[in-house]
Amino acid sequence: MIDKFGLDADIKKVDEDTFVLITKVIVEEGFVKWLQGLGSKAKLISPPTLVQQMKEEVEKMNHLFL
């Protein structure tokens, strides 16, 4: 995350395997694709509009493999 957001990124350790990143980003296709690349290793919790957008994209992808 530091490589992507820099040393000033607000990163809080939750436990040995989990952290929370709070940052501002410009929501554009490149960011969304990067986030998708993290797969199940990331949980997006905000903003609600982006959470919904990601859910819809995952559903579209899921239908490709059924």
C-alpha atoms as a PDB file:
ATOM      1  CA  MET A   1       0.000   0.000   0.000  1.00  0.00           C
ATOM      2  CA  ILE A   2       2.880   2.356   0.697  1.00  0.00           C
ATOM      3  CA  ASP A   3       4.083   1.834  -2.886  1.00  0.00           C
ATOM      4  CA  LYS A   4       0.668   2.929  -4.164  1.00  0.00           C
ATOM      5  CA  PHE A   5      -0.279   5.644  -1.646  1.00  0.00           C
ATOM      6  CA  GLY A   6       3.041   6.807  -0.181  1.00  0.00           C
ATOM      7  CA  LEU A   7       4.501   7.124   3.285  1.00  0.00           C
ATOM      8  CA  ASP A   8       1.764   9.524   4.403  1.00  0.00           C
ATOM      9  CA  ALA A   9      -0.951   6.912   3.859  1.00  0.00           C
ATOM     10  CA  ASP A  10      -3.205   6.420   6.884  1.00  0.00           C
ATOM     11  CA  ILE A  11      -2.622   2.712   7.555  1.00  0.00           C
ATOM     12  CA  LYS A  12      -3.748   1.140  10.818  1.00  0.00           C
ATOM     13  CA  LYS A  13      -2.727  -2.377  11.840  1.00  0.00           C
ATOM     14  CA  VAL A  14      -5.691  -4.475  13.028  1.00  0.00           C
ATOM     15  CA  ASP A  15      -3.859  -7.765  13.616  1.00  0.00           C
ATOM     16  CA  GLU A  16      -1.003  -9.770  12.125  1.00  0.00           C
ATOM     17  CA  ASP A  17      -2.883 -10.331   8.857  1.00  0.00           C
ATOM     18  CA  THR A  18      -5.130  -7.273   8.603  1.00  0.00           C
ATOM     19  CA  PHE A  19      -4.817  -3.525   8.218  1.00  0.00           C
ATOM     20  CA  VAL A  20      -7.123  -0.639   7.372  1.00  0.00           C
ATOM     21  CA  LEU A  21      -6.166   1.975   4.790  1.00  0.00           C
ATOM     22  CA  ILE A  22      -7.990   5.293   4.759  1.00  0.00           C
ATOM     23  CA  THR A  23      -7.187   7.465   1.770  1.00  0.00           C
ATOM     24  CA  LYS A  24      -8.669   9.723  -0.856  1.00  0.00           C
ATOM     25  CA  VAL A  25      -8.566   8.531  -4.449  1.00  0.00           C
ATOM     26  CA  ILE A  26      -9.944   9.550  -7.778  1.00  0.00           C
ATOM     27  CA  VAL A  27     -12.346   6.757  -8.659  1.00  0.00           C
ATOM     28  CA  GLU A  28     -11.527   5.923 -12.240  1.00  0.00           C
ATOM     29  CA  GLU A  29     -11.184   2.767 -14.263  1.00  0.00           C
ATOM     30  CA  GLY A  30      -7.484   2.320 -13.434  1.00  0.00           C
ATOM     31  CA  PHE A  31      -8.135   2.415  -9.690  1.00  0.00           C
ATOM     32  CA  VAL A  32     -11.132   0.084  -9.971  1.00  0.00           C
ATOM     33  CA  LYS A  33      -9.095  -2.439 -11.996  1.00  0.00           C
ATOM     34  CA  TRP A  34      -6.237  -2.212  -9.476  1.00  0.00           C
ATOM     35  CA  LEU A  35      -8.673  -2.837  -6.636  1.00  0.00           C
ATOM     36  CA  GLN A  36     -10.173  -5.805  -8.484  1.00  0.00           C
ATOM     37  CA  GLY A  37      -6.664  -7.176  -8.864  1.00  0.00           C
ATOM     38  CA  LEU A  38      -6.435  -7.488  -5.095  1.00  0.00           C
ATOM     39  CA  GLY A  39      -9.325  -9.960  -5.270  1.00  0.00           C
ATOM     40  CA  SER A  40     -10.486 -11.428  -1.981  1.00  0.00           C
ATOM     41  CA  LYS A  41      -7.439 -10.031  -0.180  1.00  0.00           C
ATOM     42  CA  ALA A  42      -9.154  -6.631   0.118  1.00  0.00           C
ATOM     43  CA  LYS A  43     -12.461  -5.506   1.542  1.00  0.00           C
ATOM     44  CA  LEU A  44     -13.831  -2.195   0.291  1.00  0.00           C
ATOM     45  CA  ILE A  45     -16.077  -0.542   2.872  1.00  0.00           C
ATOM     46  CA  SER A  46     -16.579   2.990   1.570  1.00  0.00           C
ATOM     47  CA  PRO A  47     -17.855   4.971  -0.286  1.00  0.00           C
ATOM     48  CA  PRO A  48     -21.158   3.112  -0.725  1.00  0.00           C
ATOM     49  CA  THR A  49     -21.399   3.999  -4.419  1.00  0.00           C
ATOM     50  CA  LEU A  50     -18.047   2.366  -5.142  1.00  0.00           C
ATOM     51  CA  VAL A  51     -18.922  -0.644  -2.995  1.00  0.00           C
ATOM     52  CA  GLN A  52     -22.071  -1.108  -5.089  1.00  0.00           C
ATOM     53  CA  GLN A  53     -20.144  -0.631  -8.335  1.00  0.00           C
ATOM     54  CA  MET A  54     -17.649  -3.309  -7.289  1.00  0.00           C
ATOM     55  CA  LYS A  55     -20.427  -5.712  -6.267  1.00  0.00           C
ATOM     56  CA  GLU A  56     -22.088  -5.292  -9.658  1.00  0.00           C
ATOM     57  CA  GLU A  57     -18.815  -5.902 -11.479  1.00  0.00           C
ATOM     58  CA  VAL A  58     -18.150  -9.064  -9.457  1.00  0.00           C
ATOM     59  CA  GLU A  59     -21.636 -10.328 -10.332  1.00  0.00           C
ATOM     60  CA  LYS A  60     -20.958  -9.716 -14.036  1.00  0.00           C
ATOM     61  CA  MET A  61     -17.660 -11.592 -13.754  1.00  0.00           C
ATOM     62  CA  ASN A  62     -19.329 -14.429 -11.853  1.00  0.00           C
ATOM     63  CA  HIS A  63     -21.783 -14.984 -14.698  1.00  0.00           C
ATOM     64  CA  LEU A  64     -18.903 -15.510 -17.104  1.00  0.00           C
ATOM     65  CA  PHE A  65     -17.858 -18.661 -15.273  1.00  0.00           C
ATOM     66  CA  LEU A  66     -21.193 -20.370 -14.743  1.00  0.00           C
END
